[in-house]
C-alpha atoms as a PDB file:
ATOM      1  CA  MET A   1       0.000   0.000   0.000  1.00  0.00           C
ATOM      2  CA  LYS A   2       2.813   2.417   0.700  1.00  0.00           C
ATOM      3  CA  TYR A   3       3.500   2.691  -3.011  1.00  0.00           C
ATOM      4  CA  LEU A   4      -0.037   3.748  -3.858  1.00  0.00           C
ATOM      5  CA  SER A   5      -0.591   7.284  -5.096  1.00  0.00           C
ATOM      6  CA  ARG A   6      -2.392   9.966  -3.176  1.00  0.00           C
ATOM      7  CA  THR A   7      -5.913   8.883  -4.031  1.00  0.00           C
ATOM      8  CA  VAL A   8      -7.049   5.442  -5.027  1.00  0.00           C
ATOM      9  CA  HIS A   9     -10.637   4.631  -5.885  1.00  0.00           C
ATOM     10  CA  LEU A  10     -11.568   1.056  -5.207  1.00  0.00           C
ATOM     11  CA  ALA A  11     -14.697  -0.935  -5.793  1.00  0.00           C
ATOM     12  CA  THR A  12     -16.084  -1.349  -2.287  1.00  0.00           C
ATOM     13  CA  ARG A  13     -18.868  -3.432  -0.895  1.00  0.00           C
ATOM     14  CA  ALA A  14     -21.236  -0.775  -2.253  1.00  0.00           C
ATOM     15  CA  VAL A  15     -20.315  -1.988  -5.737  1.00  0.00           C
ATOM     16  CA  TYR A  16     -21.889  -5.339  -5.015  1.00  0.00           C
ATOM     17  CA  HIS A  17     -25.029  -3.708  -3.676  1.00  0.00           C
ATOM     18  CA  HIS A  18     -25.495  -1.818  -6.933  1.00  0.00           C
ATOM     19  CA  GLY A  19     -24.959  -4.843  -9.130  1.00  0.00           C
ATOM     20  CA  PHE A  20     -21.719  -3.708 -10.769  1.00  0.00           C
ATOM     21  CA  ARG A  21     -20.120  -6.147 -13.176  1.00  0.00           C
ATOM     22  CA  GLY A  22     -16.488  -6.189 -14.201  1.00  0.00           C
ATOM     23  CA  LEU A  23     -15.306  -5.535 -17.723  1.00  0.00           C
ATOM     24  CA  SER A  24     -14.884  -9.257 -18.200  1.00  0.00           C
ATOM     25  CA  THR A  25     -16.951 -12.010 -16.595  1.00  0.00           C
ATOM     26  CA  ALA A  26     -14.961 -14.861 -18.032  1.00  0.00           C
ATOM     27  CA  SER A  27     -12.912 -16.915 -15.614  1.00  0.00           C
ATOM     28  CA  GLY A  28      -9.933 -17.187 -17.966  1.00  0.00           C
ATOM     29  CA  HIS A  29      -7.678 -14.559 -19.502  1.00  0.00           C
ATOM     30  CA  THR A  30      -8.953 -12.565 -22.440  1.00  0.00           C
ATOM     31  CA  THR A  31      -7.180 -13.014 -25.746  1.00  0.00           C
ATOM     32  CA  GLU A  32      -7.594  -9.408 -26.901  1.00  0.00           C
ATOM     33  CA  LYS A  33      -6.516  -6.219 -25.231  1.00  0.00           C
ATOM     34  CA  SER A  34      -9.226  -3.639 -24.797  1.00  0.00           C
ATOM     35  CA  VAL A  35      -9.953  -0.368 -23.057  1.00  0.00           C
ATOM     36  CA  PRO A  36     -12.984   0.719 -21.044  1.00  0.00           C
ATOM     37  CA  TYR A  37     -15.869   2.084 -23.098  1.00  0.00           C
ATOM     38  CA  ALA A  38     -14.284   0.939 -26.374  1.00  0.00           C
ATOM     39  CA  THR A  39     -17.695  -0.112 -27.673  1.00  0.00           C
ATOM     40  CA  THR A  40     -18.845   3.493 -27.461  1.00  0.00           C
ATOM     41  CA  LEU A  41     -16.101   4.539 -29.848  1.00  0.00           C
ATOM     42  CA  LYS A  42     -16.151   1.710 -32.381  1.00  0.00           C
ATOM     43  CA  GLU A  43     -15.414   2.885 -35.865  1.00  0.00           C
ATOM     44  CA  ASP A  44     -18.556   3.001 -37.952  1.00  0.00           C
ATOM     45  CA  GLY A  45     -16.678   2.566 -41.198  1.00  0.00           C
ATOM     46  CA  SER A  46     -17.476   6.094 -42.292  1.00  0.00           C
ATOM     47  CA  THR A  47     -14.908   7.862 -44.445  1.00  0.00           C
ATOM     48  CA  THR A  48     -16.672  11.226 -44.336  1.00  0.00           C
ATOM     49  CA  LYS A  49     -14.305  14.180 -44.406  1.00  0.00           C
ATOM     50  CA  GLY A  50     -15.062  17.727 -43.436  1.00  0.00           C
ATOM     51  CA  PRO A  51     -17.367  19.127 -40.761  1.00  0.00           C
ATOM     52  CA  THR A  52     -20.445  17.178 -39.768  1.00  0.00           C
ATOM     53  CA  LYS A  53     -22.534  20.348 -40.143  1.00  0.00           C
ATOM     54  CA  PRO A  54     -22.145  23.542 -42.172  1.00  0.00           C
ATOM     55  CA  LEU A  55     -20.273  26.230 -40.267  1.00  0.00           C
ATOM     56  CA  PRO A  56     -22.404  29.196 -39.201  1.00  0.00           C
ATOM     57  CA  GLU A  57     -21.201  32.655 -40.183  1.00  0.00           C
ATOM     58  CA  SER A  58     -21.289  33.831 -36.567  1.00  0.00           C
ATOM     59  CA  ALA A  59     -21.850  32.657 -32.999  1.00  0.00           C
ATOM     60  CA  ASP A  60     -22.283  34.303 -29.617  1.00  0.00           C
ATOM     61  CA  VAL A  61     -19.829  31.790 -28.134  1.00  0.00           C
ATOM     62  CA  VAL A  62     -17.489  29.269 -29.744  1.00  0.00           C
ATOM     63  CA  VAL A  63     -16.397  26.392 -27.509  1.00  0.00           C
ATOM     64  CA  ILE A  64     -13.267  24.648 -28.796  1.00  0.00           C
ATOM     65  CA  GLY A  65     -12.788  21.017 -27.771  1.00  0.00           C
ATOM     66  CA  GLY A  66     -15.300  18.164 -27.719  1.00  0.00           C
ATOM     67  CA  GLY A  67     -14.176  16.394 -24.564  1.00  0.00           C
ATOM     68  CA  SER A  68     -15.710  16.397 -21.108  1.00  0.00           C
ATOM     69  CA  LEU A  69     -15.012  20.073 -20.398  1.00  0.00           C
ATOM     70  CA  GLY A  70     -16.189  21.292 -23.800  1.00  0.00           C
ATOM     71  CA  CYS A  71     -19.403  19.272 -23.725  1.00  0.00           C
ATOM     72  CA  GLN A  72     -20.146  20.377 -20.156  1.00  0.00           C
ATOM     73  CA  THR A  73     -19.533  24.027 -21.064  1.00  0.00           C
ATOM     74  CA  THR A  74     -21.764  23.866 -24.135  1.00  0.00           C
ATOM     75  CA  TYR A  75     -24.516  22.132 -22.166  1.00  0.00           C
ATOM     76  CA  HIS A  76     -24.529  24.699 -19.366  1.00  0.00           C
ATOM     77  CA  LEU A  77     -24.412  27.690 -21.726  1.00  0.00           C
ATOM     78  CA  ALA A  78     -27.384  26.276 -23.629  1.00  0.00           C
ATOM     79  CA  LYS A  79     -29.215  25.543 -20.390  1.00  0.00           C
ATOM     80  CA  MET A  80     -28.655  29.164 -19.313  1.00  0.00           C
ATOM     81  CA  GLY A  81     -30.603  30.230 -22.399  1.00  0.00           C
ATOM     82  CA  MET A  82     -27.862  30.995 -24.927  1.00  0.00           C
ATOM     83  CA  LYS A  83     -29.031  29.797 -28.349  1.00  0.00           C
ATOM     84  CA  ASN A  84     -26.165  30.688 -30.663  1.00  0.00           C
ATOM     85  CA  VAL A  85     -23.487  28.476 -29.089  1.00  0.00           C
ATOM     86  CA  VAL A  86     -21.163  26.433 -31.311  1.00  0.00           C
ATOM     87  CA  LEU A  87     -18.846  23.624 -30.193  1.00  0.00           C
ATOM     88  CA  LEU A  88     -15.985  22.804 -32.574  1.00  0.00           C
ATOM     89  CA  GLU A  89     -14.197  19.455 -32.303  1.00  0.00           C
ATOM     90  CA  ARG A  90     -11.218  18.693 -34.532  1.00  0.00           C
ATOM     91  CA  ASP A  91     -12.091  14.972 -34.776  1.00  0.00           C
ATOM     92  CA  ARG A  92     -14.908  13.134 -32.995  1.00  0.00           C
ATOM     93  CA  LEU A  93     -16.342  13.907 -29.574  1.00  0.00           C
ATOM     94  CA  THR A  94     -14.097  12.536 -26.780  1.00  0.00           C
ATOM     95  CA  SER A  95     -11.397  11.473 -29.262  1.00  0.00           C
ATOM     96  CA  GLY A  96      -8.725  13.386 -27.328  1.00  0.00           C
ATOM     97  CA  THR A  97      -8.030  12.272 -23.763  1.00  0.00           C
ATOM     98  CA  THR A  98     -11.590  12.009 -22.417  1.00  0.00           C
ATOM     99  CA  TRP A  99     -12.482   8.638 -23.927  1.00  0.00           C
ATOM    100  CA  HIS A 100      -9.838   6.688 -21.983  1.00  0.00           C
ATOM    101  CA  THR A 101     -10.196   8.406 -18.617  1.00  0.00           C
ATOM    102  CA  ALA A 102     -11.286   6.308 -15.648  1.00  0.00           C
ATOM    103  CA  GLY A 103     -14.538   8.272 -15.298  1.00  0.00           C
ATOM    104  CA  LEU A 104     -14.216   8.713 -11.531  1.00  0.00           C
ATOM    105  CA  LEU A 105     -16.297  11.261  -9.657  1.00  0.00           C
ATOM    106  CA  TRP A 106     -15.469  11.753  -5.992  1.00  0.00           C
ATOM    107  CA  GLN A 107     -17.176  14.522  -4.079  1.00  0.00           C
ATOM    108  CA  LEU A 108     -14.681  15.698  -1.459  1.00  0.00           C
ATOM    109  CA  ARG A 109     -11.933  18.221  -2.207  1.00  0.00           C
ATOM    110  CA  PRO A 110     -10.017  20.684  -0.007  1.00  0.00           C
ATOM    111  CA  SER A 111     -11.818  23.637  -1.652  1.00  0.00           C
ATOM    112  CA  ASP A 112     -15.451  24.407  -0.841  1.00  0.00           C
ATOM    113  CA  VAL A 113     -15.920  25.701  -4.405  1.00  0.00           C
ATOM    114  CA  GLU A 114     -14.782  22.350  -5.815  1.00  0.00           C
ATOM    115  CA  VAL A 115     -17.127  20.477  -3.468  1.00  0.00           C
ATOM    116  CA  GLU A 116     -20.081  22.538  -4.722  1.00  0.00           C
ATOM    117  CA  LEU A 117     -19.081  22.039  -8.365  1.00  0.00           C
ATOM    118  CA  LEU A 118     -18.693  18.294  -7.880  1.00  0.00           C
ATOM    119  CA  ALA A 119     -22.070  18.044  -6.148  1.00  0.00           C
ATOM    120  CA  HIS A 120     -23.647  19.829  -9.114  1.00  0.00           C
ATOM    121  CA  THR A 121     -21.812  17.603 -11.612  1.00  0.00           C
ATOM    122  CA  ARG A 122     -22.945  14.484  -9.785  1.00  0.00           C
ATOM    123  CA  ASN A 123     -26.576  15.607 -10.019  1.00  0.00           C
ATOM    124  CA  VAL A 124     -26.222  16.367 -13.734  1.00  0.00           C
ATOM    125  CA  VAL A 125     -24.588  13.019 -14.539  1.00  0.00           C
ATOM    126  CA  SER A 126     -26.661  10.788 -12.267  1.00  0.00           C
ATOM    127  CA  GLN A 127     -30.088  12.411 -12.725  1.00  0.00           C
ATOM    128  CA  ASP A 128     -30.572  15.469 -14.931  1.00  0.00           C
ATOM    129  CA  LEU A 129     -29.175  14.190 -18.230  1.00  0.00           C
ATOM    130  CA  GLU A 130     -31.170  10.968 -18.209  1.00  0.00           C
ATOM    131  CA  GLN A 131     -34.357  12.890 -17.407  1.00  0.00           C
ATOM    132  CA  GLU A 132     -33.693  15.372 -20.232  1.00  0.00           C
ATOM    133  CA  THR A 133     -32.601  12.954 -22.945  1.00  0.00           C
ATOM    134  CA  GLY A 134     -33.673   9.459 -21.934  1.00  0.00           C
ATOM    135  CA  LEU A 135     -30.035   8.364 -22.339  1.00  0.00           C
ATOM    136  CA  HIS A 136     -27.966   6.768 -19.585  1.00  0.00           C
ATOM    137  CA  THR A 137     -24.531   8.220 -18.813  1.00  0.00           C
ATOM    138  CA  GLY A 138     -23.200   4.943 -17.433  1.00  0.00           C
ATOM    139  CA  TRP A 139     -23.329   6.296 -13.872  1.00  0.00           C
ATOM    140  CA  ILE A 140     -22.616   3.656 -11.201  1.00  0.00           C
ATOM    141  CA  GLU A 141     -22.740   4.643  -7.534  1.00  0.00           C
ATOM    142  CA  ASN A 142     -20.046   2.262  -6.317  1.00  0.00           C
ATOM    143  CA  GLY A 143     -18.491   4.367  -3.563  1.00  0.00           C
ATOM    144  CA  GLY A 144     -14.963   5.661  -3.101  1.00  0.00           C
ATOM    145  CA  LEU A 145     -12.212   4.658  -0.693  1.00  0.00           C
ATOM    146  CA  PHE A 146      -9.238   6.976  -0.126  1.00  0.00           C
ATOM    147  CA  ILE A 147      -6.146   5.409   1.409  1.00  0.00           C
ATOM    148  CA  ALA A 148      -3.976   7.057   4.082  1.00  0.00           C
ATOM    149  CA  SER A 149      -0.525   5.497   4.375  1.00  0.00           C
ATOM    150  CA  ASN A 150       0.721   8.141   6.830  1.00  0.00           C
ATOM    151  CA  LYS A 151      -0.692  10.213   9.694  1.00  0.00           C
ATOM    152  CA  GLN A 152      -0.620  13.488   7.742  1.00  0.00           C
ATOM    153  CA  ARG A 153      -2.805  12.016   5.019  1.00  0.00           C
ATOM    154  CA  LEU A 154      -5.257  10.678   7.591  1.00  0.00           C
ATOM    155  CA  ASP A 155      -5.475  14.131   9.214  1.00  0.00           C
ATOM    156  CA  GLU A 156      -6.272  15.589   5.796  1.00  0.00           C
ATOM    157  CA  TYR A 157      -9.062  13.055   5.309  1.00  0.00           C
ATOM    158  CA  LYS A 158     -10.516  13.996   8.695  1.00  0.00           C
ATOM    159  CA  ARG A 159     -10.638  17.616   7.534  1.00  0.00           C
ATOM    160  CA  LEU A 160     -12.315  16.544   4.294  1.00  0.00           C
ATOM    161  CA  MET A 161     -14.938  14.614   6.257  1.00  0.00           C
ATOM    162  CA  SER A 162     -15.654  17.749   8.327  1.00  0.00           C
ATOM    163  CA  LEU A 163     -16.024  19.784   5.127  1.00  0.00           C
ATOM    164  CA  GLY A 164     -18.331  17.110   3.751  1.00  0.00           C
ATOM    165  CA  LYS A 165     -20.639  17.448   6.753  1.00  0.00           C
ATOM    166  CA  VAL A 166     -21.107  21.143   5.961  1.00  0.00           C
ATOM    167  CA  TYR A 167     -22.191  20.326   2.390  1.00  0.00           C
ATOM    168  CA  GLY A 168     -24.161  17.191   3.154  1.00  0.00           C
ATOM    169  CA  VAL A 169     -21.676  14.732   1.645  1.00  0.00           C
ATOM    170  CA  GLU A 170     -21.880  11.435   3.518  1.00  0.00           C
ATOM    171  CA  SER A 171     -18.397  10.209   4.456  1.00  0.00           C
ATOM    172  CA  TYR A 172     -16.616   8.201   7.149  1.00  0.00           C
ATOM    173  CA  VAL A 173     -13.039   7.949   8.386  1.00  0.00           C
ATOM    174  CA  LEU A 174     -12.392   4.241   8.948  1.00  0.00           C
ATOM    175  CA  SER A 175      -9.764   2.461  10.998  1.00  0.00           C
ATOM    176  CA  PRO A 176      -7.673  -0.258   9.300  1.00  0.00           C
ATOM    177  CA  ALA A 177      -9.896  -2.920  10.890  1.00  0.00           C
ATOM    178  CA  GLU A 178     -13.087  -1.206   9.683  1.00  0.00           C
ATOM    179  CA  THR A 179     -11.551  -0.862   6.223  1.00  0.00           C
ATOM    180  CA  LYS A 180     -10.824  -4.588   6.188  1.00  0.00           C
ATOM    181  CA  ASP A 181     -14.454  -5.320   7.081  1.00  0.00           C
ATOM    182  CA  LEU A 182     -15.629  -3.105   4.219  1.00  0.00           C
ATOM    183  CA  TYR A 183     -13.110  -4.368   1.680  1.00  0.00           C
ATOM    184  CA  PRO A 184     -11.805  -7.820   2.730  1.00  0.00           C
ATOM    185  CA  LEU A 185      -9.312  -8.122  -0.143  1.00  0.00           C
ATOM    186  CA  MET A 186      -7.273  -5.127   1.006  1.00  0.00           C
ATOM    187  CA  ASN A 187      -4.011  -5.521   2.896  1.00  0.00           C
ATOM    188  CA  VAL A 188      -4.322  -2.974   5.720  1.00  0.00           C
ATOM    189  CA  ASP A 189      -1.110  -3.780   7.602  1.00  0.00           C
ATOM    190  CA  ASP A 190       0.598  -0.520   6.609  1.00  0.00           C
ATOM    191  CA  LEU A 191      -2.468   1.763   6.636  1.00  0.00           C
ATOM    192  CA  TYR A 192      -3.327   4.497   9.123  1.00  0.00           C
ATOM    193  CA  GLY A 193      -6.930   4.537   7.941  1.00  0.00           C
ATOM    194  CA  THR A 194      -9.185   5.390   5.008  1.00  0.00           C
ATOM    195  CA  LEU A 195     -11.878   7.856   3.997  1.00  0.00           C
ATOM    196  CA  TYR A 196     -15.019   6.151   2.699  1.00  0.00           C
ATOM    197  CA  VAL A 197     -17.566   8.090   0.609  1.00  0.00           C
ATOM    198  CA  PRO A 198     -20.506   5.759  -0.188  1.00  0.00           C
ATOM    199  CA  LYS A 199     -22.120   7.923  -2.885  1.00  0.00           C
ATOM    200  CA  ASP A 200     -19.057   8.500  -5.044  1.00  0.00           C
ATOM    201  CA  GLY A 201     -19.192   6.758  -8.382  1.00  0.00           C
ATOM    202  CA  THR A 202     -18.033   6.271 -11.940  1.00  0.00           C
ATOM    203  CA  MET A 203     -19.432   7.191 -15.330  1.00  0.00           C
ATOM    204  CA  ASP A 204     -18.813   6.266 -18.948  1.00  0.00           C
ATOM    205  CA  PRO A 205     -16.882   9.346 -20.178  1.00  0.00           C
ATOM    206  CA  ALA A 206     -17.774   8.877 -23.840  1.00  0.00           C
ATOM    207  CA  GLY A 207     -21.408   8.118 -23.065  1.00  0.00           C
ATOM    208  CA  THR A 208     -21.639  11.140 -20.781  1.00  0.00           C
ATOM    209  CA  CYS A 209     -20.294  13.469 -23.478  1.00  0.00           C
ATOM    210  CA  THR A 210     -22.672  12.039 -26.066  1.00  0.00           C
ATOM    211  CA  THR A 211     -25.572  12.663 -23.701  1.00  0.00           C
ATOM    212  CA  LEU A 212     -24.372  16.206 -22.951  1.00  0.00           C
ATOM    213  CA  ALA A 213     -24.162  16.912 -26.682  1.00  0.00           C
ATOM    214  CA  ARG A 214     -27.677  15.568 -27.223  1.00  0.00           C
ATOM    215  CA  ALA A 215     -29.056  17.775 -24.443  1.00  0.00           C
ATOM    216  CA  SER A 216     -27.159  20.801 -25.801  1.00  0.00           C
ATOM    217  CA  THR A 217     -28.442  20.492 -29.358  1.00  0.00           C
ATOM    218  CA  ALA A 218     -31.976  20.017 -28.053  1.00  0.00           C
ATOM    219  CA  ARG A 219     -31.617  23.486 -26.508  1.00  0.00           C
ATOM    220  CA  GLY A 220     -30.367  25.079 -29.719  1.00  0.00           C
ATOM    221  CA  ALA A 221     -26.584  24.686 -29.540  1.00  0.00           C
ATOM    222  CA  GLN A 222     -24.589  23.335 -32.491  1.00  0.00           C
ATOM    223  CA  VAL A 223     -21.998  20.566 -32.131  1.00  0.00           C
ATOM    224  CA  ILE A 224     -19.690  20.327 -35.148  1.00  0.00           C
ATOM    225  CA  GLU A 225     -17.141  17.516 -35.415  1.00  0.00           C
ATOM    226  CA  ASN A 226     -14.269  16.978 -37.891  1.00  0.00           C
ATOM    227  CA  CYS A 227     -13.516  20.702 -37.877  1.00  0.00           C
ATOM    228  CA  PRO A 228      -9.980  21.585 -36.679  1.00  0.00           C
ATOM    229  CA  VAL A 229      -9.362  25.155 -35.533  1.00  0.00           C
ATOM    230  CA  THR A 230      -6.393  26.742 -37.294  1.00  0.00           C
ATOM    231  CA  GLY A 231      -6.376  30.238 -35.801  1.00  0.00           C
ATOM    232  CA  ILE A 232      -8.081  32.816 -33.598  1.00  0.00           C
ATOM    233  CA  GLN A 233      -8.430  36.373 -34.880  1.00  0.00           C
ATOM    234  CA  VAL A 234      -7.791  39.092 -32.302  1.00  0.00           C
ATOM    235  CA  LYS A 235      -8.131  42.863 -32.688  1.00  0.00           C
ATOM    236  CA  THR A 236      -7.246  45.725 -30.365  1.00  0.00           C
ATOM    237  CA  ASP A 237     -10.185  47.990 -29.525  1.00  0.00           C
ATOM    238  CA  ASP A 238     -10.162  51.765 -28.943  1.00  0.00           C
ATOM    239  CA  PHE A 239      -9.150  51.241 -25.321  1.00  0.00           C
ATOM    240  CA  GLY A 240      -6.117  49.149 -26.219  1.00  0.00           C
ATOM    241  CA  VAL A 241      -7.737  45.886 -25.125  1.00  0.00           C
ATOM    242  CA  LYS A 242      -7.241  42.823 -27.312  1.00  0.00           C
ATOM    243  CA  ARG A 243     -10.516  41.090 -28.096  1.00  0.00           C
ATOM    244  CA  VAL A 244     -11.440  37.952 -30.012  1.00  0.00           C
ATOM    245  CA  VAL A 245     -13.326  38.610 -33.232  1.00  0.00           C
ATOM    246  CA  ALA A 246     -13.338  35.267 -35.070  1.00  0.00           C
ATOM    247  CA  VAL A 247     -12.263  31.618 -35.094  1.00  0.00           C
ATOM    248  CA  GLU A 248     -10.581  30.223 -38.192  1.00  0.00           C
ATOM    249  CA  THR A 249     -10.949  26.579 -39.259  1.00  0.00           C
ATOM    250  CA  GLN A 250      -9.890  24.508 -42.236  1.00  0.00           C
ATOM    251  CA  TYR A 251     -13.405  24.933 -43.612  1.00  0.00           C
ATOM    252  CA  GLY A 252     -14.192  28.573 -42.950  1.00  0.00           C
ATOM    253  CA  THR A 253     -14.300  31.335 -40.349  1.00  0.00           C
ATOM    254  CA  VAL A 254     -16.855  31.894 -37.593  1.00  0.00           C
ATOM    255  CA  ARG A 255     -17.239  35.452 -36.299  1.00  0.00           C
ATOM    256  CA  THR A 256     -17.561  35.533 -32.508  1.00  0.00           C
ATOM    257  CA  PRO A 257     -16.774  37.851 -29.586  1.00  0.00           C
ATOM    258  CA  CYS A 258     -16.161  34.966 -27.190  1.00  0.00           C
ATOM    259  CA  VAL A 259     -14.073  31.773 -27.274  1.00  0.00           C
ATOM    260  CA  VAL A 260     -13.927  29.146 -24.524  1.00  0.00           C
ATOM    261  CA  ASN A 261     -10.716  27.113 -24.586  1.00  0.00           C
ATOM    262  CA  CYS A 262     -11.641  23.512 -23.693  1.00  0.00           C
ATOM    263  CA  ALA A 263      -8.867  21.819 -25.638  1.00  0.00           C
ATOM    264  CA  GLY A 264      -7.430  19.882 -22.694  1.00  0.00           C
ATOM    265  CA  VAL A 265      -3.788  18.985 -23.235  1.00  0.00           C
ATOM    266  CA  TRP A 266      -3.840  21.150 -26.382  1.00  0.00           C
ATOM    267  CA  ALA A 267      -5.138  24.204 -24.486  1.00  0.00           C
ATOM    268  CA  ARG A 268      -1.720  25.841 -24.403  1.00  0.00           C
ATOM    269  CA  THR A 269      -1.298  25.580 -28.169  1.00  0.00           C
ATOM    270  CA  LEU A 270      -4.794  26.942 -28.696  1.00  0.00           C
ATOM    271  CA  GLY A 271      -4.134  29.829 -26.324  1.00  0.00           C
ATOM    272  CA  GLN A 272      -1.041  30.805 -28.288  1.00  0.00           C
ATOM    273  CA  MET A 273      -3.265  31.361 -31.341  1.00  0.00           C
ATOM    274  CA  ALA A 274      -4.831  34.261 -29.437  1.00  0.00           C
ATOM    275  CA  GLY A 275      -1.587  35.449 -27.849  1.00  0.00           C
ATOM    276  CA  VAL A 276      -2.533  34.013 -24.452  1.00  0.00           C
ATOM    277  CA  ASP A 277      -0.159  31.924 -22.344  1.00  0.00           C
ATOM    278  CA  VAL A 278      -2.034  29.010 -20.750  1.00  0.00           C
ATOM    279  CA  PRO A 279       0.097  27.612 -17.867  1.00  0.00           C
ATOM    280  CA  LEU A 280      -0.729  23.973 -18.526  1.00  0.00           C
ATOM    281  CA  ILE A 281       1.546  20.939 -18.663  1.00  0.00           C
ATOM    282  CA  ALA A 282       0.264  17.468 -19.523  1.00  0.00           C
ATOM    283  CA  MET A 283       1.220  14.695 -17.096  1.00  0.00           C
ATOM    284  CA  HIS A 284       0.855  10.928 -17.262  1.00  0.00           C
ATOM    285  CA  HIS A 285      -1.526   9.204 -14.864  1.00  0.00           C
ATOM    286  CA  ALA A 286      -2.444   5.564 -14.642  1.00  0.00           C
ATOM    287  CA  TYR A 287      -5.308   3.334 -13.629  1.00  0.00           C
ATOM    288  CA  VAL A 288      -5.622  -0.431 -13.701  1.00  0.00           C
ATOM    289  CA  VAL A 289      -8.223  -2.510 -15.517  1.00  0.00           C
ATOM    290  CA  THR A 290      -8.232  -6.107 -14.289  1.00  0.00           C
ATOM    291  CA  GLU A 291      -9.813  -9.367 -15.196  1.00  0.00           C
ATOM    292  CA  ARG A 292     -12.561 -10.489 -12.857  1.00  0.00           C
ATOM    293  CA  ILE A 293     -11.287 -10.878  -9.281  1.00  0.00           C
ATOM    294  CA  GLU A 294     -12.963 -13.458  -7.085  1.00  0.00           C
ATOM    295  CA  GLY A 295     -14.840 -11.688  -4.295  1.00  0.00           C
ATOM    296  CA  ILE A 296     -15.610  -8.564  -6.348  1.00  0.00           C
ATOM    297  CA  GLN A 297     -18.810  -8.445  -8.368  1.00  0.00           C
END
């Protein structure tokens, strides 16, 4: 356990209660390598080139990037009543880094603003989107378990639990023995304790973005795929302030006074098109997908 990273989400006993099934139910090893949610992104054999919709001449807001952040931004702008919102994705929705994320959503963070945002996101993913579109986001309320391998980390988790009480997030700090009762497969010999949040969960990232896009277009937004952005036009106004005036693509230009940079790991490159330095550096993270483990459903 001492080599585990800061936060590890594990399938707890709550997983069994909600009927979760592993990626593979076979008892033997699989013969093909796969990734989570691969079925959502299977190639349809289409060789269509160019944007999936004609580019509008203008837009009130152009959102660049069709991953989780871009789809969420477009959805919320449309829900706020903005009709002329356009999302531009260079390839297909979620084809950047979103499609292979683990899809974890845990509710407790050191910042109260983050806790409120996560609570809102959880409601959108677990309830609102399905009610609006009839589509399921792949939400599974399987609970989250955060591991403390030193006293300082355990103290931090106690503070997070206190913050959770203020915002109504159910959570418990467990002793090693209580953790073992909850998750019998865990070796707790070198643990100081854990933080257990029963209503944390996971979602299908690709399915969630597809559902967000469906809800956005139903409210009047446009989602245009296969349309790489090549430049952002900026002009200086009478007060010496640089302002966005248009977004350039391989297939035309969209006039707009507002651009939202949701390009993820490419956000810095996109910012440079407008003369803006985005202090972002991409870093590798890892998660593990296993075969079925006896004792975990």
